[in-house]
Amino acid sequence: MTPAARLAAAIDIVNTIAADRRPASEVLKEWGRGHRFAGSGDRAAIAALVYDVERRRASAAYLMGAEEGRALALGALKLARGLDVEAIAALCDGSRFGPAPLTDEERARLEAGSLDGAPAPVAGDYPEWLDASLAAVFGEARAAEGQALAERAPLDLRVNTLKAAPEKATEALAHLNPAATDWSPLALRIGFEVDGKAHALTAEPAFIKGQVEIQDEGSQIAAILAAPPRGGQVLDLCAGGGGKTLELAALMDNAGQLYAYDSDMRRLAPIHERLQRAGVRNVQVRTPRGATDVLADLEARMDLVLVDAPCTGTGTWRRNPDAKWRMRPGALAERQKDQAEVLDAAARFVKPGGRIAYVTCSLLDEENGGQVRAFLARHPDFAVVPPDETVLALGERGIRLKQAALASAEGLLLTPRRTGTDGFFVSLLARTV
């Protein structure tokens, strides 16, 4: 496919996403099935264009004065890719499979249009109804935080120290030019491909051997700050596919006992193969069994309960840019209910002197500090571990991290703008009696 044909396909897909209100990944997959002539390079390039539009949907519409797919794609080419009007005009060549030539108005907007004076939700490319919530956290910096969330995310890997040292993993992946990161001593970062084509990381021998796992640096930091005790008793209460479970096991050096549970057994399904590949031996998976309380024997026994809470995912918009436009206020209210319930459930398992590590991939105080404050009101036998103490798990890196992140009385908030990671909130709650 020509670059012009790829752009035309992306415009059609953007229109379908908006009309059907379906995830971009589903629409792209459906398009690929219906257009078998498109090779893998074509599909990757089209997907990259579509996701660039979703990242900059509000600002592109503002720039172009219209919200249909063509306007959004043209605006995104300027805002997300930095193309000038002539480069964009060359793609809109009027060829058989390409977009029609630029109109005079489109050319004028691409030449002279700007985001000067745009309201924060436009400049920051996030839904207007979230403006008050983001302003409560970031104030006048909310547009800048939104802009960082609209950038592409790199590929972060975590070195599995049960199988390899960071130096060995770096050597094994040298052809991908991995780089160390600022905060996690376990992280390697691989830049994204400009054409959108994904690295075949899961086919790499280092991955197959369990030496590395795909995991954002922010997620890695959350597990490190939780500080699972070597030889201790730890419960991962919302284990899902096991990403943080694997890291906790490595941090514990396969000592002690780690229990992995999730209320949805389907989410737990991948964990078994991942544990085997990673060489983990101290994890016991507890699968739900109807009305049976499969965690009853763990009550008041845990040194640490990790609550990787269900949330709106506002901190992961770099990786799921279309999700922000599908999000509705009802989803936030539902997640808040879920978070309160899982926090209350976690308290049951913590022994005196033990801790809850409450983690979300959200930027919103309603899901973060607000939930912690409400939990403490319901559970006066718990107290927040101050962020100054929490970051000690990272040593000198932790001191720098606290300066870069947004610290509050309830915990630590990482963001793409501040820490170069996905957005993560981490709060440690210690049981005092």
Protein backbone atom coordinates (compact mmCIF):
# COMPACT_ATOMS: atom_id res chain seq x y z
CA MET A 1 0.00 0.00 0.00
CA THR A 2 1.13 3.53 -0.72
CA PRO A 3 1.47 6.06 2.13
CA ALA A 4 -1.61 7.82 0.72
CA ALA A 5 -3.63 4.58 0.74
CA ARG A 6 -2.56 3.91 4.32
CA LEU A 7 -3.78 7.36 5.35
CA ALA A 8 -7.12 6.80 3.59
CA ALA A 9 -7.55 3.48 5.39
CA ALA A 10 -6.74 5.11 8.73
CA ILE A 11 -9.37 7.79 8.10
CA ASP A 12 -12.03 5.13 7.42
CA ILE A 13 -11.07 3.25 10.59
CA VAL A 14 -11.20 6.41 12.72
CA ASN A 15 -14.72 7.08 11.44
CA THR A 16 -15.76 3.51 12.29
CA ILE A 17 -14.33 3.77 15.82
CA ALA A 18 -16.31 6.96 16.45
CA ALA A 19 -19.54 5.62 14.94
CA ASP A 20 -19.47 2.23 16.68
CA ARG A 21 -17.82 3.31 19.96
CA ARG A 22 -15.67 0.19 19.90
CA PRO A 23 -12.04 -0.26 20.97
CA ALA A 24 -9.59 0.69 18.26
CA SER A 25 -7.90 -2.71 18.51
CA GLU A 26 -11.15 -4.48 17.60
CA VAL A 27 -11.84 -2.23 14.61
CA LEU A 28 -8.26 -2.56 13.36
CA LYS A 29 -8.40 -6.34 13.63
CA GLU A 30 -11.69 -6.43 11.77
CA TRP A 31 -10.28 -4.17 9.05
CA GLY A 32 -7.27 -6.45 8.65
CA ARG A 33 -9.49 -9.51 8.19
CA GLY A 34 -11.45 -7.71 5.50
CA HIS A 35 -8.37 -6.41 3.64
CA ARG A 36 -6.09 -9.41 3.26
CA PHE A 37 -3.99 -7.61 0.67
CA ALA A 38 -2.55 -5.38 3.40
CA GLY A 39 0.76 -6.75 4.64
CA SER A 40 2.03 -6.65 8.21
CA GLY A 41 3.93 -3.43 7.51
CA ASP A 42 0.78 -1.82 6.11
CA ARG A 43 -1.30 -2.88 9.11
CA ALA A 44 1.30 -1.63 11.57
CA ALA A 45 1.59 1.73 9.82
CA ILE A 46 -2.19 2.16 9.64
CA ALA A 47 -2.56 1.25 13.32
CA ALA A 48 0.10 3.79 14.25
CA LEU A 49 -1.80 6.49 12.35
CA VAL A 50 -5.08 5.53 14.01
CA TYR A 51 -3.59 5.61 17.50
CA ASP A 52 -1.93 8.96 16.81
CA VAL A 53 -5.39 10.31 15.96
CA GLU A 54 -6.83 8.88 19.18
CA ARG A 55 -4.01 10.46 21.17
CA ARG A 56 -4.69 13.89 19.71
CA ARG A 57 -8.40 13.70 18.95
CA ALA A 58 -9.45 16.85 20.88
CA SER A 59 -6.56 19.06 19.77
CA ALA A 60 -6.77 17.87 16.15
CA ALA A 61 -10.48 18.69 16.04
CA TYR A 62 -9.78 22.14 17.53
CA LEU A 63 -7.02 22.80 15.01
CA MET A 64 -9.06 21.70 11.99
CA GLY A 65 -12.48 22.96 13.14
CA ALA A 66 -14.13 19.60 12.47
CA GLU A 67 -14.44 16.16 14.09
CA GLU A 68 -14.77 13.71 11.20
CA GLY A 69 -11.99 11.22 10.52
CA ARG A 70 -10.30 13.18 7.74
CA ALA A 71 -9.98 16.34 9.82
CA LEU A 72 -8.72 14.41 12.82
CA ALA A 73 -6.13 12.55 10.75
CA LEU A 74 -4.84 15.72 9.11
CA GLY A 75 -4.61 17.48 12.46
CA ALA A 76 -2.82 14.52 14.01
CA LEU A 77 -0.26 14.46 11.21
CA LYS A 78 0.70 17.99 12.19
CA LEU A 79 0.36 17.74 15.96
CA ALA A 80 1.58 14.21 16.62
CA ARG A 81 4.04 13.77 13.77
CA GLY A 82 5.15 17.33 13.11
CA LEU A 83 4.50 17.22 9.36
CA ASP A 84 4.27 20.53 7.54
CA VAL A 85 1.47 21.39 5.16
CA GLU A 86 3.38 20.31 2.04
CA ALA A 87 4.21 16.90 3.48
CA ILE A 88 0.54 16.43 4.38
CA ALA A 89 -0.56 17.65 0.95
CA ALA A 90 1.71 15.06 -0.65
CA LEU A 91 -0.22 12.32 1.18
CA CYS A 92 -3.55 13.77 0.08
CA ASP A 93 -2.71 13.33 -3.58
CA GLY A 94 -6.14 12.46 -4.94
CA SER A 95 -4.87 9.13 -6.25
CA ARG A 96 -7.20 6.18 -6.71
CA PHE A 97 -6.76 4.86 -3.16
CA GLY A 98 -5.62 8.04 -1.47
CA PRO A 99 -7.45 10.93 0.21
CA ALA A 100 -8.73 13.84 -1.86
CA PRO A 101 -6.44 16.88 -2.17
CA LEU A 102 -6.46 19.45 0.62
CA THR A 103 -9.11 22.12 0.45
CA ASP A 104 -8.17 25.78 0.81
CA GLU A 105 -9.55 25.82 4.35
CA GLU A 106 -7.64 22.69 5.36
CA ARG A 107 -4.43 24.15 3.98
CA ALA A 108 -5.01 27.42 5.82
CA ARG A 109 -5.65 25.67 9.13
CA LEU A 110 -2.61 23.44 8.74
CA GLU A 111 -0.46 26.44 7.90
CA ALA A 112 -1.65 28.96 10.47
CA GLY A 113 -3.75 27.10 13.04
CA SER A 114 -2.47 26.68 16.59
CA LEU A 115 -3.56 25.60 20.04
CA ASP A 116 -2.87 29.02 21.55
CA GLY A 117 -5.70 29.83 23.93
CA ALA A 118 -7.16 26.33 23.77
CA PRO A 119 -8.85 25.17 27.00
CA ALA A 120 -7.00 22.60 29.09
CA PRO A 121 -9.04 19.55 27.94
CA VAL A 122 -8.22 20.44 24.32
CA ALA A 123 -4.56 21.26 24.88
CA GLY A 124 -4.19 18.17 27.07
CA ASP A 125 -6.34 15.90 24.89
CA TYR A 126 -8.61 14.48 27.57
CA PRO A 127 -12.41 14.40 28.06
CA GLU A 128 -13.86 17.68 29.29
CA TRP A 129 -15.82 16.00 32.10
CA LEU A 130 -12.52 14.97 33.73
CA ASP A 131 -11.16 18.51 33.85
CA ALA A 132 -12.21 19.22 37.44
CA SER A 133 -10.73 15.94 38.69
CA LEU A 134 -7.42 16.52 36.92
CA ALA A 135 -7.33 20.15 38.08
CA ALA A 136 -7.72 18.96 41.67
CA VAL A 137 -4.53 16.91 41.29
CA PHE A 138 -2.39 18.93 38.90
CA GLY A 139 -3.81 22.46 38.91
CA GLU A 140 -2.54 24.59 36.01
CA ALA A 141 -0.20 21.78 34.95
CA ARG A 142 -3.07 19.48 33.95
CA ALA A 143 -2.80 20.29 30.23
CA ALA A 144 0.93 19.52 30.29
CA GLU A 145 0.24 16.25 32.09
CA GLY A 146 -2.37 15.41 29.46
CA GLN A 147 0.08 16.16 26.66
CA ALA A 148 2.59 13.73 28.16
CA LEU A 149 -0.17 11.11 28.34
CA ALA A 150 -0.78 11.70 24.62
CA GLU A 151 2.75 10.67 23.67
CA ARG A 152 3.68 7.18 22.54
CA ALA A 153 4.95 4.88 25.26
CA PRO A 154 8.26 3.01 25.00
CA LEU A 155 8.55 -0.73 25.56
CA ASP A 156 9.74 -1.42 29.11
CA LEU A 157 11.12 -4.75 30.23
CA ARG A 158 11.82 -6.08 33.70
CA VAL A 159 14.87 -8.25 34.19
CA ASN A 160 13.89 -11.42 36.04
CA THR A 161 16.68 -11.74 38.60
CA LEU A 162 15.73 -15.37 39.20
CA LYS A 163 17.09 -16.11 35.73
CA ALA A 164 19.52 -13.33 34.79
CA ALA A 165 21.39 -10.28 36.01
CA PRO A 166 20.60 -6.97 34.28
CA GLU A 167 23.98 -7.06 32.53
CA LYS A 168 23.29 -10.51 31.07
CA ALA A 169 19.82 -9.53 29.85
CA THR A 170 21.19 -6.34 28.33
CA GLU A 171 23.79 -8.33 26.43
CA ALA A 172 21.19 -10.81 25.18
CA LEU A 173 19.04 -7.96 23.81
CA ALA A 174 21.88 -5.77 22.56
CA HIS A 175 20.49 -5.78 19.01
CA LEU A 176 17.41 -3.91 20.32
CA ASN A 177 19.57 -1.22 21.99
CA PRO A 178 18.02 -1.51 25.47
CA ALA A 179 18.75 1.32 27.88
CA ALA A 180 18.69 1.48 31.65
CA THR A 181 15.98 3.71 33.13
CA ASP A 182 16.02 6.35 35.84
CA TRP A 183 14.20 4.61 38.68
CA SER A 184 13.89 0.84 38.58
CA PRO A 185 17.18 -1.08 38.77
CA LEU A 186 15.38 -3.95 37.03
CA ALA A 187 14.16 -2.03 33.98
CA LEU A 188 15.38 -1.97 30.39
CA ARG A 189 13.74 0.38 27.90
CA ILE A 190 13.41 -0.11 24.16
CA GLY A 191 12.27 2.81 22.02
CA PHE A 192 9.25 2.51 19.76
CA GLU A 193 9.51 2.06 16.01
CA VAL A 194 8.54 5.19 14.07
CA ASP A 195 6.44 3.15 11.64
CA GLY A 196 4.49 1.63 14.52
CA LYS A 197 5.73 -1.92 13.92
CA ALA A 198 6.03 -3.72 17.25
CA HIS A 199 9.17 -5.52 18.35
CA ALA A 200 8.73 -9.30 18.30
CA LEU A 201 9.82 -9.41 21.91
CA THR A 202 7.99 -12.63 22.79
CA ALA A 203 10.05 -14.45 20.14
CA GLU A 204 13.35 -13.32 21.68
CA PRO A 205 15.36 -16.10 23.39
CA ALA A 206 15.75 -13.89 26.47
CA PHE A 207 11.97 -13.73 26.82
CA ILE A 208 11.40 -17.40 26.06
CA LYS A 209 13.98 -18.34 28.70
CA GLY A 210 12.24 -16.13 31.28
CA GLN A 211 15.10 -13.65 31.62
CA VAL A 212 12.85 -10.66 30.91
CA GLU A 213 9.17 -9.78 31.19
CA ILE A 214 7.23 -6.94 29.55
CA GLN A 215 6.34 -4.54 32.36
CA ASP A 216 6.17 -0.75 32.52
CA GLU A 217 8.75 0.84 34.79
CA GLY A 218 5.97 2.41 36.88
CA SER A 219 4.50 -1.02 37.57
CA GLN A 220 7.95 -2.29 38.51
CA ILE A 221 8.41 0.60 40.94
CA ALA A 222 5.06 -0.12 42.60
CA ALA A 223 6.14 -3.67 43.44
CA ILE A 224 9.56 -2.54 44.68
CA LEU A 225 8.03 0.10 46.94
CA ALA A 226 5.69 -2.53 48.38
CA ALA A 227 8.90 -4.10 49.77
CA PRO A 228 7.82 -7.77 50.05
CA PRO A 229 9.84 -9.35 52.87
CA ARG A 230 12.19 -12.17 51.92
CA GLY A 231 10.89 -15.23 53.71
CA GLY A 232 7.59 -13.52 54.51
CA GLN A 233 3.95 -14.24 53.78
CA VAL A 234 2.51 -12.18 50.89
CA LEU A 235 -0.88 -12.13 49.19
CA ASP A 236 -1.42 -10.63 45.73
CA LEU A 237 -5.17 -10.13 46.01
CA CYS A 238 -5.83 -8.89 42.45
CA ALA A 239 -3.18 -10.92 40.65
CA GLY A 240 -4.75 -10.95 37.19
CA GLY A 241 -2.29 -12.39 34.68
CA GLY A 242 0.51 -12.28 37.25
CA GLY A 243 2.76 -9.40 36.21
CA LYS A 244 3.37 -8.08 39.72
CA THR A 245 3.21 -11.59 41.20
CA LEU A 246 6.27 -12.53 39.15
CA GLU A 247 8.14 -9.45 40.30
CA LEU A 248 7.23 -9.99 43.95
CA ALA A 249 8.55 -13.56 43.72
CA ALA A 250 11.85 -12.34 42.29
CA LEU A 251 12.14 -9.59 44.91
CA MET A 252 11.60 -12.29 47.57
CA ASP A 253 14.27 -14.44 45.87
CA ASN A 254 11.83 -17.36 45.74
CA ALA A 255 11.77 -17.46 49.56
CA GLY A 256 8.73 -17.34 51.84
CA GLN A 257 5.26 -17.89 50.49
CA LEU A 258 3.41 -15.80 47.94
CA TYR A 259 -0.28 -16.37 47.27
CA ALA A 260 -1.82 -15.23 43.97
CA TYR A 261 -5.58 -14.72 43.81
CA ASP A 262 -8.05 -12.98 41.56
CA SER A 263 -11.84 -12.92 41.79
CA ASP A 264 -12.02 -13.69 38.04
CA MET A 265 -10.43 -17.05 37.29
CA ARG A 266 -10.22 -16.14 33.60
CA ARG A 267 -7.78 -13.35 34.38
CA LEU A 268 -5.66 -15.83 36.33
CA ALA A 269 -5.39 -18.28 33.44
CA PRO A 270 -2.05 -17.02 32.00
CA ILE A 271 -0.27 -17.00 35.36
CA HIS A 272 0.60 -20.72 35.43
CA GLU A 273 2.68 -20.70 32.24
CA ARG A 274 4.31 -17.40 33.22
CA LEU A 275 5.36 -18.73 36.63
CA GLN A 276 6.97 -21.76 35.02
CA ARG A 277 8.85 -19.73 32.43
CA ALA A 278 10.11 -17.32 35.10
CA GLY A 279 11.41 -20.09 37.36
CA VAL A 280 9.16 -19.06 40.26
CA ARG A 281 8.80 -21.65 43.02
CA ASN A 282 7.27 -19.79 45.99
CA VAL A 283 3.84 -18.95 44.52
CA GLN A 284 0.64 -20.76 45.36
CA VAL A 285 -2.24 -19.83 43.04
CA ARG A 286 -5.64 -19.72 44.74
CA THR A 287 -8.45 -19.99 42.18
CA PRO A 288 -12.05 -18.99 43.08
CA ARG A 289 -14.40 -21.93 43.70
CA GLY A 290 -17.95 -20.67 43.87
CA ALA A 291 -19.06 -19.78 47.40
CA THR A 292 -16.02 -21.48 48.99
CA ASP A 293 -13.70 -19.07 50.80
CA VAL A 294 -10.38 -20.21 49.33
CA LEU A 295 -8.44 -17.60 51.34
CA ALA A 296 -9.93 -18.32 54.77
CA ASP A 297 -6.70 -19.86 56.09
CA LEU A 298 -4.76 -16.67 55.32
CA GLU A 299 -6.74 -14.42 57.65
CA ALA A 300 -4.51 -12.15 59.82
CA ARG A 301 -1.38 -13.99 58.62
CA MET A 302 0.02 -11.77 55.87
CA ASP A 303 3.08 -9.53 56.16
CA LEU A 304 1.98 -7.82 52.94
CA VAL A 305 -1.20 -7.72 50.90
CA LEU A 306 -0.80 -6.19 47.45
CA VAL A 307 -3.99 -4.58 46.12
CA ASP A 308 -3.44 -3.81 42.44
CA ALA A 309 -6.89 -2.29 42.36
CA PRO A 310 -9.34 -2.18 39.44
CA CYS A 311 -9.40 1.40 38.19
CA THR A 312 -10.21 3.66 35.25
CA GLY A 313 -6.72 3.26 33.81
CA THR A 314 -6.23 6.99 33.26
CA GLY A 315 -2.51 6.52 33.87
CA THR A 316 -2.20 4.14 30.91
CA TRP A 317 -3.60 6.40 28.20
CA ARG A 318 -0.24 6.37 26.38
CA ARG A 319 -0.82 2.67 25.70
CA ASN A 320 -4.63 2.79 25.32
CA PRO A 321 -5.32 6.23 23.83
CA ASP A 322 -8.79 5.45 22.55
CA ALA A 323 -9.93 4.32 26.02
CA LYS A 324 -10.03 7.89 27.31
CA TRP A 325 -12.72 8.87 24.82
CA ARG A 326 -14.91 5.86 25.71
CA MET A 327 -14.67 6.48 29.46
CA ARG A 328 -17.83 7.73 31.17
CA PRO A 329 -18.57 9.08 34.69
CA GLY A 330 -20.45 5.90 35.54
CA ALA A 331 -17.27 3.89 35.07
CA LEU A 332 -15.45 6.03 37.61
CA ALA A 333 -18.22 5.55 40.16
CA GLU A 334 -18.19 1.79 39.58
CA ARG A 335 -14.42 1.56 40.00
CA GLN A 336 -14.59 3.53 43.26
CA LYS A 337 -17.06 1.00 44.61
CA ASP A 338 -14.80 -1.88 43.56
CA GLN A 339 -11.76 -0.25 45.15
CA ALA A 340 -13.46 0.27 48.51
CA GLU A 341 -14.59 -3.34 48.55
CA VAL A 342 -11.19 -4.81 47.73
CA LEU A 343 -9.43 -2.59 50.28
CA ASP A 344 -11.85 -3.72 52.99
CA ALA A 345 -11.28 -7.32 51.91
CA ALA A 346 -7.50 -6.87 52.10
CA ALA A 347 -7.62 -5.65 55.71
CA ARG A 348 -8.87 -9.05 56.81
CA PHE A 349 -5.60 -10.75 55.86
CA VAL A 350 -3.05 -8.32 57.33
CA LYS A 351 -1.42 -9.32 60.59
CA PRO A 352 -0.53 -6.68 63.22
CA GLY A 353 2.50 -4.82 61.92
CA GLY A 354 1.77 -6.00 58.38
CA ARG A 355 0.95 -3.74 55.43
CA ILE A 356 -1.36 -3.20 52.49
CA ALA A 357 0.22 -1.87 49.32
CA TYR A 358 -2.59 -0.06 47.48
CA VAL A 359 -1.74 0.50 43.81
CA THR A 360 -3.72 1.95 40.91
CA CYS A 361 -2.85 2.97 37.37
CA SER A 362 -5.06 6.05 37.81
CA LEU A 363 -4.27 9.76 38.13
CA LEU A 364 -7.53 10.68 39.86
CA ASP A 365 -7.71 11.50 43.56
CA GLU A 366 -11.15 9.85 43.71
CA GLU A 367 -9.40 6.52 43.11
CA ASN A 368 -6.17 7.27 44.96
CA GLY A 369 -5.86 9.57 47.96
CA GLY A 370 -9.62 9.74 48.34
CA GLN A 371 -9.86 5.97 48.65
CA VAL A 372 -7.04 5.88 51.20
CA ARG A 373 -8.67 8.56 53.33
CA ALA A 374 -12.01 6.74 53.24
CA PHE A 375 -10.33 3.43 54.12
CA LEU A 376 -8.56 4.95 57.13
CA ALA A 377 -11.88 6.37 58.34
CA ARG A 378 -13.36 2.85 58.20
CA HIS A 379 -10.25 1.16 59.60
CA PRO A 380 -8.64 3.25 62.37
CA ASP A 381 -6.24 0.38 63.09
CA PHE A 382 -4.32 1.29 59.91
CA ALA A 383 -2.03 4.25 59.21
CA VAL A 384 -0.27 5.54 56.08
CA VAL A 385 3.44 4.83 55.78
CA PRO A 386 4.84 8.28 54.82
CA PRO A 387 6.25 8.50 51.28
CA ASP A 388 9.62 9.50 52.76
CA GLU A 389 9.79 5.99 54.24
CA THR A 390 8.18 4.23 51.29
CA VAL A 391 10.86 5.34 48.81
CA LEU A 392 13.66 3.92 50.97
CA ALA A 393 13.08 0.59 49.21
CA LEU A 394 14.74 2.18 46.15
CA GLY A 395 17.68 3.65 48.04
CA GLU A 396 19.20 6.76 46.44
CA ARG A 397 16.95 6.32 43.41
CA GLY A 398 13.98 6.57 45.75
CA ILE A 399 15.09 9.95 47.06
CA ARG A 400 15.27 11.27 43.51
CA LEU A 401 11.97 9.60 42.64
CA LYS A 402 10.14 11.37 45.46
CA GLN A 403 11.46 14.70 44.17
CA ALA A 404 10.22 13.93 40.65
CA ALA A 405 6.88 12.33 41.52
CA LEU A 406 3.87 14.01 43.11
CA ALA A 407 3.88 13.16 46.81
CA SER A 408 0.86 13.56 49.07
CA ALA A 409 -0.06 12.61 52.61
CA GLU A 410 -1.54 9.39 51.22
CA GLY A 411 1.12 8.22 48.80
CA LEU A 412 3.18 8.75 45.68
CA LEU A 413 1.88 9.49 42.17
CA LEU A 414 4.01 8.72 39.12
CA THR A 415 3.12 10.25 35.75
CA PRO A 416 4.59 10.22 32.23
CA ARG A 417 5.44 13.93 32.53
CA ARG A 418 7.12 13.66 35.92
CA THR A 419 8.75 10.25 35.90
CA GLY A 420 8.60 9.02 32.29
CA THR A 421 6.48 6.05 33.36
CA ASP A 422 2.83 5.18 33.05
CA GLY A 423 0.68 6.83 35.70
CA PHE A 424 0.74 4.88 38.97
CA PHE A 425 -0.33 5.67 42.52
CA VAL A 426 1.28 3.78 45.40
CA SER A 427 0.23 3.95 49.05
CA LEU A 428 1.43 1.75 51.91
CA LEU A 429 -0.95 1.22 54.82
CA ALA A 430 0.41 -0.37 57.99
CA ARG A 431 -1.71 -2.20 60.54
CA THR A 432 -0.90 -0.70 63.91
CA VAL A 433 -2.68 -3.21 66.18
